[in-house]
Amino acid sequence: MSLTLQQLISRLSFRQMQVFRAVYQQQGYGKGAESLGLTQPAVSSQIKKLESALGQPLFEYVGRKLYCTRAGERVAEHIDAIFEQVASLQSDLHRLEGKLSGELNLCAVSSAQYAVPHLLRGFLQQYPSVNVNLNIVNRTQAIERLNDNKEDLVIMGLVPNDRSLSSLPFLDNELIPVVPVHHPLATKKHIHPQQFLDAQLLSRESGSGNRLALEQHCQQQRLSLNVTMQFGSNDALKHAVLAGLGVAVLPRLSVLSELRLGQLVSPVIKGFPLRRSWCLVSPQGKHATPVTQAFLEYIQTNLKEIHQYFQSLDVV
């Protein structure tokens, strides 16, 4: 028997909708439970209560894979709208008190992870009621998330020029050559770029922003790029250099501590550092939430101070 609206409202809860959203987004009961800090039985119980209230199955298993039913897809759309309205209500109430609140959903390529926390510190001091969600991904994943419109802003270098995107450059990403402290090139005064590139060059994976920047530089300078080993993250690449596996080109911010401690050396080589700008990127025409707009305005207003702050970090 169909429920009246009042009966349905009395049987629904925000907890049920929150749990449904987690299972839907994580595509599984286990992962959904983990994201909420709940047990899987507790999540299953909430989904059963929601299905009972709505009178429709929302998920089904085909073999071992969990699928969302057609009814579940519609419920997901409406729950997203409900949560957006609640977030809007919260923002409106805070705005009446002269505050800004809501979520800022950011995605950053791995090389930018060393810069983003410093940007957020000042912004969150100014807007303490804002909640930030930050995902660290590689360049390929960042472009996919741009295409899927998943975040408010994507932080990356080498912005794709084959898409309609809005881009705000805010900081130089300096890519510098690094060698282990006991490497023969560590104390050499005059190093030809090709000599460095031939000294067991370690690199990020193909398609990464750092790798693309290095490939473009070599192409422009007619240098041969001879990669002996590649790694999926800057940290893995840095530790490979520390272990003496070879030399590499890395973001300066990622190796400041090692340079200060004398564990790595950045030799002087013509054409380096490579400079690429980190940018705040979003699809052109995307509606900016009040929180996103405030973050963009904060960056634009404080560009000079941001540059000065990062220059103060570089005391090597």
C-alpha atoms as a PDB file:
ATOM      1  CA  MET A   1       0.000   0.000   0.000  1.00  0.00           C
ATOM      2  CA  SER A   2       1.348   3.452  -0.942  1.00  0.00           C
ATOM      3  CA  LEU A   3       2.212   5.751   1.929  1.00  0.00           C
ATOM      4  CA  THR A   4       0.940   9.294   2.224  1.00  0.00           C
ATOM      5  CA  LEU A   5       3.552  12.040   2.117  1.00  0.00           C
ATOM      6  CA  GLN A   6       3.313  12.558   5.882  1.00  0.00           C
ATOM      7  CA  GLN A   7       3.766   8.831   6.519  1.00  0.00           C
ATOM      8  CA  LEU A   8       6.757   8.710   4.186  1.00  0.00           C
ATOM      9  CA  ILE A   9       8.388  11.725   5.846  1.00  0.00           C
ATOM     10  CA  SER A  10       7.921  10.144   9.280  1.00  0.00           C
ATOM     11  CA  ARG A  11       9.726   6.977   8.117  1.00  0.00           C
ATOM     12  CA  LEU A  12      12.626   8.657   6.304  1.00  0.00           C
ATOM     13  CA  SER A  13      15.745   9.948   8.017  1.00  0.00           C
ATOM     14  CA  PHE A  14      18.788  11.925   6.951  1.00  0.00           C
ATOM     15  CA  ARG A  15      20.924   9.075   8.296  1.00  0.00           C
ATOM     16  CA  GLN A  16      19.295   6.640   5.867  1.00  0.00           C
ATOM     17  CA  MET A  17      19.917   9.042   2.980  1.00  0.00           C
ATOM     18  CA  GLN A  18      23.521   9.638   4.082  1.00  0.00           C
ATOM     19  CA  VAL A  19      24.170   5.903   4.189  1.00  0.00           C
ATOM     20  CA  PHE A  20      22.489   5.350   0.804  1.00  0.00           C
ATOM     21  CA  ARG A  21      24.633   8.114  -0.710  1.00  0.00           C
ATOM     22  CA  ALA A  22      27.821   6.538   0.644  1.00  0.00           C
ATOM     23  CA  VAL A  23      26.962   3.064  -0.702  1.00  0.00           C
ATOM     24  CA  TYR A  24      25.970   4.565  -4.058  1.00  0.00           C
ATOM     25  CA  GLN A  25      29.126   6.656  -4.387  1.00  0.00           C
ATOM     26  CA  GLN A  26      31.479   3.924  -3.145  1.00  0.00           C
ATOM     27  CA  GLN A  27      29.642   1.220  -5.144  1.00  0.00           C
ATOM     28  CA  GLY A  28      29.634  -1.213  -2.254  1.00  0.00           C
ATOM     29  CA  TYR A  29      28.385  -1.787   1.285  1.00  0.00           C
ATOM     30  CA  GLY A  30      31.858  -2.388   2.685  1.00  0.00           C
ATOM     31  CA  LYS A  31      33.434   0.726   1.204  1.00  0.00           C
ATOM     32  CA  GLY A  32      30.362   2.765   2.054  1.00  0.00           C
ATOM     33  CA  ALA A  33      30.540   1.636   5.663  1.00  0.00           C
ATOM     34  CA  GLU A  34      34.264   2.422   5.817  1.00  0.00           C
ATOM     35  CA  SER A  35      33.750   5.954   4.465  1.00  0.00           C
ATOM     36  CA  LEU A  36      31.239   6.650   7.260  1.00  0.00           C
ATOM     37  CA  GLY A  37      33.079   4.848  10.039  1.00  0.00           C
ATOM     38  CA  LEU A  38      30.231   2.343  10.426  1.00  0.00           C
ATOM     39  CA  THR A  39      30.022  -1.433  10.410  1.00  0.00           C
ATOM     40  CA  GLN A  40      28.665  -3.161   7.313  1.00  0.00           C
ATOM     41  CA  PRO A  41      25.666  -4.618   9.220  1.00  0.00           C
ATOM     42  CA  ALA A  42      24.752  -1.099  10.378  1.00  0.00           C
ATOM     43  CA  VAL A  43      24.863   0.143   6.789  1.00  0.00           C
ATOM     44  CA  SER A  44      22.796  -2.804   5.543  1.00  0.00           C
ATOM     45  CA  SER A  45      20.199  -2.104   8.239  1.00  0.00           C
ATOM     46  CA  GLN A  46      19.837   1.550   7.181  1.00  0.00           C
ATOM     47  CA  ILE A  47      19.464   0.595   3.506  1.00  0.00           C
ATOM     48  CA  LYS A  48      16.772  -1.971   4.386  1.00  0.00           C
ATOM     49  CA  LYS A  49      14.847   0.669   6.365  1.00  0.00           C
ATOM     50  CA  LEU A  50      15.066   3.066   3.415  1.00  0.00           C
ATOM     51  CA  GLU A  51      13.925   0.389   0.949  1.00  0.00           C
ATOM     52  CA  SER A  52      11.050  -0.524   3.262  1.00  0.00           C
ATOM     53  CA  ALA A  53       9.945   3.110   3.548  1.00  0.00           C
ATOM     54  CA  LEU A  54      10.089   3.639  -0.230  1.00  0.00           C
ATOM     55  CA  GLY A  55       8.672   0.218  -1.108  1.00  0.00           C
ATOM     56  CA  GLN A  56      11.360  -0.329  -3.754  1.00  0.00           C
ATOM     57  CA  PRO A  57      14.648  -2.265  -3.890  1.00  0.00           C
ATOM     58  CA  LEU A  58      17.494   0.232  -4.334  1.00  0.00           C
ATOM     59  CA  PHE A  59      20.428  -2.150  -4.838  1.00  0.00           C
ATOM     60  CA  GLU A  60      20.788  -5.658  -6.183  1.00  0.00           C
ATOM     61  CA  TYR A  61      23.587  -8.157  -6.562  1.00  0.00           C
ATOM     62  CA  VAL A  62      24.359  -9.781  -9.898  1.00  0.00           C
ATOM     63  CA  GLY A  63      26.904 -12.404  -9.007  1.00  0.00           C
ATOM     64  CA  ARG A  64      29.188 -10.664  -6.549  1.00  0.00           C
ATOM     65  CA  LYS A  65      28.810  -7.191  -8.058  1.00  0.00           C
ATOM     66  CA  LEU A  66      26.462  -4.633  -6.544  1.00  0.00           C
ATOM     67  CA  TYR A  67      24.255  -2.653  -8.927  1.00  0.00           C
ATOM     68  CA  CYS A  68      21.906   0.237  -8.311  1.00  0.00           C
ATOM     69  CA  THR A  69      18.327  -0.368  -9.509  1.00  0.00           C
ATOM     70  CA  ARG A  70      16.403   2.102 -11.674  1.00  0.00           C
ATOM     71  CA  ALA A  71      14.530   3.212  -8.558  1.00  0.00           C
ATOM     72  CA  GLY A  72      17.875   3.586  -6.784  1.00  0.00           C
ATOM     73  CA  GLU A  73      19.205   5.861  -9.539  1.00  0.00           C
ATOM     74  CA  ARG A  74      16.198   8.141  -9.158  1.00  0.00           C
ATOM     75  CA  VAL A  75      16.587   8.127  -5.371  1.00  0.00           C
ATOM     76  CA  ALA A  76      20.274   9.064  -5.797  1.00  0.00           C
ATOM     77  CA  GLU A  77      19.332  12.092  -7.916  1.00  0.00           C
ATOM     78  CA  HIS A  78      16.790  13.320  -5.374  1.00  0.00           C
ATOM     79  CA  ILE A  79      19.044  12.707  -2.365  1.00  0.00           C
ATOM     80  CA  ASP A  80      21.817  14.715  -4.055  1.00  0.00           C
ATOM     81  CA  ALA A  81      19.311  17.543  -4.555  1.00  0.00           C
ATOM     82  CA  ILE A  82      18.183  17.310  -0.912  1.00  0.00           C
ATOM     83  CA  PHE A  83      21.764  17.483   0.383  1.00  0.00           C
ATOM     84  CA  GLU A  84      22.497  20.433  -1.919  1.00  0.00           C
ATOM     85  CA  GLN A  85      19.470  22.222  -0.480  1.00  0.00           C
ATOM     86  CA  VAL A  86      20.590  21.496   3.083  1.00  0.00           C
ATOM     87  CA  ALA A  87      24.076  22.824   2.268  1.00  0.00           C
ATOM     88  CA  SER A  88      22.478  25.908   0.727  1.00  0.00           C
ATOM     89  CA  LEU A  89      20.356  26.383   3.842  1.00  0.00           C
ATOM     90  CA  GLN A  90      23.430  26.141   6.041  1.00  0.00           C
ATOM     91  CA  SER A  91      25.243  28.710   3.880  1.00  0.00           C
ATOM     92  CA  ASP A  92      22.271  31.069   3.977  1.00  0.00           C
ATOM     93  CA  LEU A  93      22.031  30.868   7.767  1.00  0.00           C
ATOM     94  CA  HIS A  94      25.752  31.500   8.153  1.00  0.00           C
ATOM     95  CA  ARG A  95      25.524  34.380   5.698  1.00  0.00           C
ATOM     96  CA  LEU A  96      22.913  35.993   7.955  1.00  0.00           C
ATOM     97  CA  GLU A  97      25.577  35.919  10.664  1.00  0.00           C
ATOM     98  CA  GLY A  98      28.172  37.359   8.303  1.00  0.00           C
ATOM     99  CA  LYS A  99      29.899  33.991   7.856  1.00  0.00           C
ATOM    100  CA  LEU A 100      30.746  31.864   4.824  1.00  0.00           C
ATOM    101  CA  SER A 101      30.225  28.111   5.056  1.00  0.00           C
ATOM    102  CA  GLY A 102      29.893  25.082   2.853  1.00  0.00           C
ATOM    103  CA  GLU A 103      32.206  22.662   1.087  1.00  0.00           C
ATOM    104  CA  LEU A 104      35.169  23.347  -1.170  1.00  0.00           C
ATOM    105  CA  ASN A 105      35.876  20.268  -3.267  1.00  0.00           C
ATOM    106  CA  LEU A 106      39.371  20.332  -4.738  1.00  0.00           C
ATOM    107  CA  CYS A 107      41.372  17.918  -6.841  1.00  0.00           C
ATOM    108  CA  ALA A 108      45.131  18.428  -7.220  1.00  0.00           C
ATOM    109  CA  VAL A 109      47.794  16.697  -9.265  1.00  0.00           C
ATOM    110  CA  SER A 110      50.430  15.061  -7.089  1.00  0.00           C
ATOM    111  CA  SER A 111      53.089  17.721  -7.734  1.00  0.00           C
ATOM    112  CA  ALA A 112      50.732  20.388  -6.319  1.00  0.00           C
ATOM    113  CA  GLN A 113      50.166  18.564  -3.030  1.00  0.00           C
ATOM    114  CA  TYR A 114      53.171  20.388  -1.545  1.00  0.00           C
ATOM    115  CA  ALA A 115      51.642  23.804  -2.300  1.00  0.00           C
ATOM    116  CA  VAL A 116      47.912  23.396  -1.670  1.00  0.00           C
ATOM    117  CA  PRO A 117      48.003  23.065   2.166  1.00  0.00           C
ATOM    118  CA  HIS A 118      49.852  26.397   2.383  1.00  0.00           C
ATOM    119  CA  LEU A 119      47.155  28.050   0.254  1.00  0.00           C
ATOM    120  CA  LEU A 120      44.382  26.593   2.369  1.00  0.00           C
ATOM    121  CA  ARG A 121      45.834  27.738   5.690  1.00  0.00           C
ATOM    122  CA  GLY A 122      45.235  31.431   5.079  1.00  0.00           C
ATOM    123  CA  PHE A 123      41.876  30.832   3.395  1.00  0.00           C
ATOM    124  CA  LEU A 124      40.572  28.708   6.279  1.00  0.00           C
ATOM    125  CA  GLN A 125      41.785  31.234   8.833  1.00  0.00           C
ATOM    126  CA  GLN A 126      39.576  33.751   7.046  1.00  0.00           C
ATOM    127  CA  TYR A 127      36.670  31.305   6.562  1.00  0.00           C
ATOM    128  CA  PRO A 128      36.799  28.757   9.410  1.00  0.00           C
ATOM    129  CA  SER A 129      33.307  27.361   8.694  1.00  0.00           C
ATOM    130  CA  VAL A 130      34.329  26.043   5.251  1.00  0.00           C
ATOM    131  CA  ASN A 131      34.988  22.309   4.928  1.00  0.00           C
ATOM    132  CA  VAL A 132      37.621  21.293   2.366  1.00  0.00           C
ATOM    133  CA  ASN A 133      37.757  17.973   0.533  1.00  0.00           C
ATOM    134  CA  LEU A 134      41.049  17.448  -1.303  1.00  0.00           C
ATOM    135  CA  ASN A 135      41.790  14.564  -3.668  1.00  0.00           C
ATOM    136  CA  ILE A 136      45.355  13.958  -4.883  1.00  0.00           C
ATOM    137  CA  VAL A 137      45.543  12.313  -8.309  1.00  0.00           C
ATOM    138  CA  ASN A 138      47.812  12.055 -11.341  1.00  0.00           C
ATOM    139  CA  ARG A 139      47.359  14.246 -14.418  1.00  0.00           C
ATOM    140  CA  THR A 140      45.328  11.682 -16.370  1.00  0.00           C
ATOM    141  CA  GLN A 141      42.903  11.297 -13.465  1.00  0.00           C
ATOM    142  CA  ALA A 142      42.706  15.075 -13.029  1.00  0.00           C
ATOM    143  CA  ILE A 143      41.624  15.479 -16.666  1.00  0.00           C
ATOM    144  CA  GLU A 144      39.038  12.721 -16.218  1.00  0.00           C
ATOM    145  CA  ARG A 145      37.640  14.468 -13.141  1.00  0.00           C
ATOM    146  CA  LEU A 146      37.487  17.735 -15.093  1.00  0.00           C
ATOM    147  CA  ASN A 147      35.508  15.977 -17.806  1.00  0.00           C
ATOM    148  CA  ASP A 148      33.185  14.451 -15.201  1.00  0.00           C
ATOM    149  CA  ASN A 149      32.768  17.821 -13.443  1.00  0.00           C
ATOM    150  CA  LYS A 150      33.394  16.146 -10.074  1.00  0.00           C
ATOM    151  CA  GLU A 151      35.154  18.945  -8.193  1.00  0.00           C
ATOM    152  CA  ASP A 152      34.728  22.685  -7.774  1.00  0.00           C
ATOM    153  CA  LEU A 153      38.308  23.257  -8.924  1.00  0.00           C
ATOM    154  CA  VAL A 154      41.187  21.180 -10.253  1.00  0.00           C
ATOM    155  CA  ILE A 155      44.744  22.286  -9.448  1.00  0.00           C
ATOM    156  CA  MET A 156      47.210  21.332 -12.163  1.00  0.00           C
ATOM    157  CA  GLY A 157      49.927  22.539 -14.528  1.00  0.00           C
ATOM    158  CA  LEU A 158      49.983  22.097 -18.305  1.00  0.00           C
ATOM    159  CA  VAL A 159      46.271  22.828 -18.701  1.00  0.00           C
ATOM    160  CA  PRO A 160      44.792  20.965 -21.699  1.00  0.00           C
ATOM    161  CA  ASN A 161      44.271  23.345 -24.623  1.00  0.00           C
ATOM    162  CA  ASP A 162      41.787  21.121 -26.451  1.00  0.00           C
ATOM    163  CA  ARG A 163      38.979  21.782 -23.964  1.00  0.00           C
ATOM    164  CA  SER A 164      36.906  24.824 -22.962  1.00  0.00           C
ATOM    165  CA  LEU A 165      38.398  25.542 -19.555  1.00  0.00           C
ATOM    166  CA  SER A 166      38.773  28.516 -17.235  1.00  0.00           C
ATOM    167  CA  SER A 167      42.262  28.752 -15.770  1.00  0.00           C
ATOM    168  CA  LEU A 168      43.852  30.962 -13.106  1.00  0.00           C
ATOM    169  CA  PRO A 169      47.666  30.645 -12.803  1.00  0.00           C
ATOM    170  CA  PHE A 170      48.763  31.289  -9.220  1.00  0.00           C
ATOM    171  CA  LEU A 171      52.254  29.891  -8.599  1.00  0.00           C
ATOM    172  CA  ASP A 172      55.310  28.696 -10.506  1.00  0.00           C
ATOM    173  CA  ASN A 173      56.102  25.001 -10.248  1.00  0.00           C
ATOM    174  CA  GLU A 174      59.893  24.856 -10.534  1.00  0.00           C
ATOM    175  CA  LEU A 175      61.222  21.513 -11.747  1.00  0.00           C
ATOM    176  CA  ILE A 176      64.857  21.113 -10.769  1.00  0.00           C
ATOM    177  CA  PRO A 177      67.537  18.482 -11.461  1.00  0.00           C
ATOM    178  CA  VAL A 178      68.488  16.463  -8.363  1.00  0.00           C
ATOM    179  CA  VAL A 179      71.237  13.923  -7.736  1.00  0.00           C
ATOM    180  CA  PRO A 180      72.310  11.930  -4.646  1.00  0.00           C
ATOM    181  CA  VAL A 181      74.859  13.731  -2.470  1.00  0.00           C
ATOM    182  CA  HIS A 182      77.656  11.282  -3.358  1.00  0.00           C
ATOM    183  CA  HIS A 183      76.903  11.209  -7.098  1.00  0.00           C
ATOM    184  CA  PRO A 184      79.780  12.272  -9.409  1.00  0.00           C
ATOM    185  CA  LEU A 185      77.629  15.126 -10.763  1.00  0.00           C
ATOM    186  CA  ALA A 186      76.991  16.504  -7.256  1.00  0.00           C
ATOM    187  CA  THR A 187      80.248  18.444  -7.190  1.00  0.00           C
ATOM    188  CA  LYS A 188      80.825  18.975 -10.903  1.00  0.00           C
ATOM    189  CA  LYS A 189      80.776  22.645 -11.974  1.00  0.00           C
ATOM    190  CA  HIS A 190      79.963  22.474 -15.671  1.00  0.00           C
ATOM    191  CA  ILE A 191      77.363  19.864 -16.595  1.00  0.00           C
ATOM    192  CA  HIS A 192      75.945  19.587 -20.092  1.00  0.00           C
ATOM    193  CA  PRO A 193      72.185  18.877 -20.024  1.00  0.00           C
ATOM    194  CA  GLN A 194      72.659  15.698 -22.064  1.00  0.00           C
ATOM    195  CA  GLN A 195      75.272  14.458 -19.589  1.00  0.00           C
ATOM    196  CA  PHE A 196      72.710  14.766 -16.812  1.00  0.00           C
ATOM    197  CA  LEU A 197      69.991  13.069 -18.864  1.00  0.00           C
ATOM    198  CA  ASP A 198      72.328  10.163 -19.607  1.00  0.00           C
ATOM    199  CA  ALA A 199      73.223   9.590 -15.927  1.00  0.00           C
ATOM    200  CA  GLN A 200      70.598   6.888 -15.170  1.00  0.00           C
ATOM    201  CA  LEU A 201      67.612   9.194 -15.498  1.00  0.00           C
ATOM    202  CA  LEU A 202      64.610   8.277 -13.355  1.00  0.00           C
ATOM    203  CA  SER A 203      61.239   9.801 -14.222  1.00  0.00           C
ATOM    204  CA  ARG A 204      57.528   9.980 -13.533  1.00  0.00           C
ATOM    205  CA  GLU A 205      55.228   7.826 -15.646  1.00  0.00           C
ATOM    206  CA  SER A 206      54.280   8.769 -19.211  1.00  0.00           C
ATOM    207  CA  GLY A 207      51.416  11.259 -19.245  1.00  0.00           C
ATOM    208  CA  SER A 208      52.263  12.903 -15.917  1.00  0.00           C
ATOM    209  CA  GLY A 209      52.658  16.678 -15.900  1.00  0.00           C
ATOM    210  CA  ASN A 210      56.313  16.553 -14.833  1.00  0.00           C
ATOM    211  CA  ARG A 211      57.158  14.005 -17.530  1.00  0.00           C
ATOM    212  CA  LEU A 212      55.380  16.078 -20.198  1.00  0.00           C
ATOM    213  CA  ALA A 213      57.249  19.226 -19.129  1.00  0.00           C
ATOM    214  CA  LEU A 214      60.583  17.397 -19.374  1.00  0.00           C
ATOM    215  CA  GLU A 215      59.684  15.861 -22.738  1.00  0.00           C
ATOM    216  CA  GLN A 216      58.709  19.275 -24.125  1.00  0.00           C
ATOM    217  CA  HIS A 217      61.969  20.791 -22.876  1.00  0.00           C
ATOM    218  CA  CYS A 218      64.054  18.028 -24.451  1.00  0.00           C
ATOM    219  CA  GLN A 219      62.195  18.365 -27.728  1.00  0.00           C
ATOM    220  CA  GLN A 220      62.717  22.137 -27.808  1.00  0.00           C
ATOM    221  CA  GLN A 221      66.430  21.827 -26.918  1.00  0.00           C
ATOM    222  CA  ARG A 222      67.002  18.770 -29.126  1.00  0.00           C
ATOM    223  CA  LEU A 223      68.069  16.631 -26.204  1.00  0.00           C
ATOM    224  CA  SER A 224      67.641  12.860 -25.939  1.00  0.00           C
ATOM    225  CA  LEU A 225      65.475  11.643 -23.092  1.00  0.00           C
ATOM    226  CA  ASN A 226      66.759   8.261 -21.887  1.00  0.00           C
ATOM    227  CA  VAL A 227      64.572   7.114 -19.000  1.00  0.00           C
ATOM    228  CA  THR A 228      65.906   4.020 -17.223  1.00  0.00           C
ATOM    229  CA  MET A 229      63.097   3.651 -14.681  1.00  0.00           C
ATOM    230  CA  GLN A 230      59.746   5.325 -14.102  1.00  0.00           C
ATOM    231  CA  PHE A 231      57.642   5.848 -10.982  1.00  0.00           C
ATOM    232  CA  GLY A 232      54.001   6.616 -10.244  1.00  0.00           C
ATOM    233  CA  SER A 233      54.546   9.388  -7.687  1.00  0.00           C
ATOM    234  CA  ASN A 234      57.016  12.143  -6.848  1.00  0.00           C
ATOM    235  CA  ASP A 235      57.700  10.633  -3.422  1.00  0.00           C
ATOM    236  CA  ALA A 236      58.607   7.267  -4.942  1.00  0.00           C
ATOM    237  CA  LEU A 237      60.815   9.029  -7.476  1.00  0.00           C
ATOM    238  CA  LYS A 238      62.510  11.082  -4.757  1.00  0.00           C
ATOM    239  CA  HIS A 239      63.266   8.022  -2.634  1.00  0.00           C
ATOM    240  CA  ALA A 240      64.676   6.229  -5.673  1.00  0.00           C
ATOM    241  CA  VAL A 241      67.152   9.093  -6.105  1.00  0.00           C
ATOM    242  CA  LEU A 242      67.968   9.008  -2.372  1.00  0.00           C
ATOM    243  CA  ALA A 243      68.644   5.271  -2.727  1.00  0.00           C
ATOM    244  CA  GLY A 244      71.201   6.005  -5.431  1.00  0.00           C
ATOM    245  CA  LEU A 245      69.255   4.501  -8.340  1.00  0.00           C
ATOM    246  CA  GLY A 246      69.879   7.521 -10.536  1.00  0.00           C
ATOM    247  CA  VAL A 247      69.074  11.196 -11.109  1.00  0.00           C
ATOM    248  CA  ALA A 248      65.746  12.947 -11.660  1.00  0.00           C
ATOM    249  CA  VAL A 249      63.896  16.186 -12.307  1.00  0.00           C
ATOM    250  CA  LEU A 250      61.510  16.948  -9.432  1.00  0.00           C
ATOM    251  CA  PRO A 251      59.370  19.839  -8.154  1.00  0.00           C
ATOM    252  CA  ARG A 252      61.532  22.031  -5.942  1.00  0.00           C
ATOM    253  CA  LEU A 253      58.883  22.065  -3.202  1.00  0.00           C
ATOM    254  CA  SER A 254      58.984  18.254  -3.018  1.00  0.00           C
ATOM    255  CA  VAL A 255      62.687  18.123  -2.132  1.00  0.00           C
ATOM    256  CA  LEU A 256      63.261  21.221   0.044  1.00  0.00           C
ATOM    257  CA  SER A 257      63.887  19.176   3.195  1.00  0.00           C
ATOM    258  CA  GLU A 258      66.335  16.829   1.482  1.00  0.00           C
ATOM    259  CA  LEU A 259      68.229  19.769  -0.043  1.00  0.00           C
ATOM    260  CA  ARG A 260      68.465  21.518   3.341  1.00  0.00           C
ATOM    261  CA  LEU A 261      69.692  18.330   5.028  1.00  0.00           C
ATOM    262  CA  GLY A 262      72.296  17.754   2.318  1.00  0.00           C
ATOM    263  CA  GLN A 263      70.791  14.427   1.265  1.00  0.00           C
ATOM    264  CA  LEU A 264      70.219  15.644  -2.293  1.00  0.00           C
ATOM    265  CA  VAL A 265      72.027  18.162  -4.479  1.00  0.00           C
ATOM    266  CA  SER A 266      70.581  20.276  -7.275  1.00  0.00           C
ATOM    267  CA  PRO A 267      73.419  20.935  -9.732  1.00  0.00           C
ATOM    268  CA  VAL A 268      73.506  24.001 -11.950  1.00  0.00           C
ATOM    269  CA  ILE A 269      72.536  22.918 -15.472  1.00  0.00           C
ATOM    270  CA  LYS A 270      71.717  25.182 -18.387  1.00  0.00           C
ATOM    271  CA  GLY A 271      67.990  25.325 -19.117  1.00  0.00           C
ATOM    272  CA  PHE A 272      66.947  24.422 -15.563  1.00  0.00           C
ATOM    273  CA  PRO A 273      64.835  24.902 -13.565  1.00  0.00           C
ATOM    274  CA  LEU A 274      61.854  24.256 -15.821  1.00  0.00           C
ATOM    275  CA  ARG A 275      59.024  26.604 -14.911  1.00  0.00           C
ATOM    276  CA  ARG A 276      55.372  25.698 -15.306  1.00  0.00           C
ATOM    277  CA  SER A 277      52.481  27.442 -13.569  1.00  0.00           C
ATOM    278  CA  TRP A 278      50.093  25.680 -11.262  1.00  0.00           C
ATOM    279  CA  CYS A 279      46.573  26.753 -12.148  1.00  0.00           C
ATOM    280  CA  LEU A 280      43.091  26.650 -10.687  1.00  0.00           C
ATOM    281  CA  VAL A 281      41.035  25.035 -13.448  1.00  0.00           C
ATOM    282  CA  SER A 282      37.329  24.443 -14.024  1.00  0.00           C
ATOM    283  CA  PRO A 283      35.081  23.839 -17.044  1.00  0.00           C
ATOM    284  CA  GLN A 284      34.238  27.110 -18.763  1.00  0.00           C
ATOM    285  CA  GLY A 285      30.766  28.286 -17.786  1.00  0.00           C
ATOM    286  CA  LYS A 286      30.673  26.165 -14.619  1.00  0.00           C
ATOM    287  CA  HIS A 287      28.635  27.848 -11.889  1.00  0.00           C
ATOM    288  CA  ALA A 288      30.910  28.723  -8.980  1.00  0.00           C
ATOM    289  CA  THR A 289      29.450  28.179  -5.518  1.00  0.00           C
ATOM    290  CA  PRO A 290      29.856  31.049  -3.025  1.00  0.00           C
ATOM    291  CA  VAL A 291      32.692  29.098  -1.345  1.00  0.00           C
ATOM    292  CA  THR A 292      34.469  28.466  -4.664  1.00  0.00           C
ATOM    293  CA  GLN A 293      34.113  32.124  -5.618  1.00  0.00           C
ATOM    294  CA  ALA A 294      35.512  33.179  -2.245  1.00  0.00           C
ATOM    295  CA  PHE A 295      38.518  30.874  -2.706  1.00  0.00           C
ATOM    296  CA  LEU A 296      39.213  32.232  -6.203  1.00  0.00           C
ATOM    297  CA  GLU A 297      38.959  35.808  -4.918  1.00  0.00           C
ATOM    298  CA  TYR A 298      41.251  34.966  -1.989  1.00  0.00           C
ATOM    299  CA  ILE A 299      43.927  33.602  -4.361  1.00  0.00           C
ATOM    300  CA  GLN A 300      43.636  36.555  -6.762  1.00  0.00           C
ATOM    301  CA  THR A 301      43.770  39.106  -3.945  1.00  0.00           C
ATOM    302  CA  ASN A 302      46.773  37.480  -2.265  1.00  0.00           C
ATOM    303  CA  LEU A 303      48.910  36.490  -5.286  1.00  0.00           C
ATOM    304  CA  LYS A 304      51.809  38.715  -4.214  1.00  0.00           C
ATOM    305  CA  GLU A 305      51.778  37.400  -0.652  1.00  0.00           C
ATOM    306  CA  ILE A 306      51.525  33.805  -1.901  1.00  0.00           C
ATOM    307  CA  HIS A 307      54.608  34.252  -4.100  1.00  0.00           C
ATOM    308  CA  GLN A 308      56.532  35.881  -1.245  1.00  0.00           C
ATOM    309  CA  TYR A 309      55.585  33.096   1.152  1.00  0.00           C
ATOM    310  CA  PHE A 310      56.807  30.333  -1.147  1.00  0.00           C
ATOM    311  CA  GLN A 311      59.997  32.253  -1.881  1.00  0.00           C
ATOM    312  CA  SER A 312      60.625  32.374   1.875  1.00  0.00           C
ATOM    313  CA  LEU A 313      60.411  28.575   2.000  1.00  0.00           C
ATOM    314  CA  ASP A 314      63.156  28.257  -0.597  1.00  0.00           C
ATOM    315  CA  VAL A 315      66.194  29.080   1.520  1.00  0.00           C
ATOM    316  CA  VAL A 316      68.414  26.346   0.065  1.00  0.00           C
END
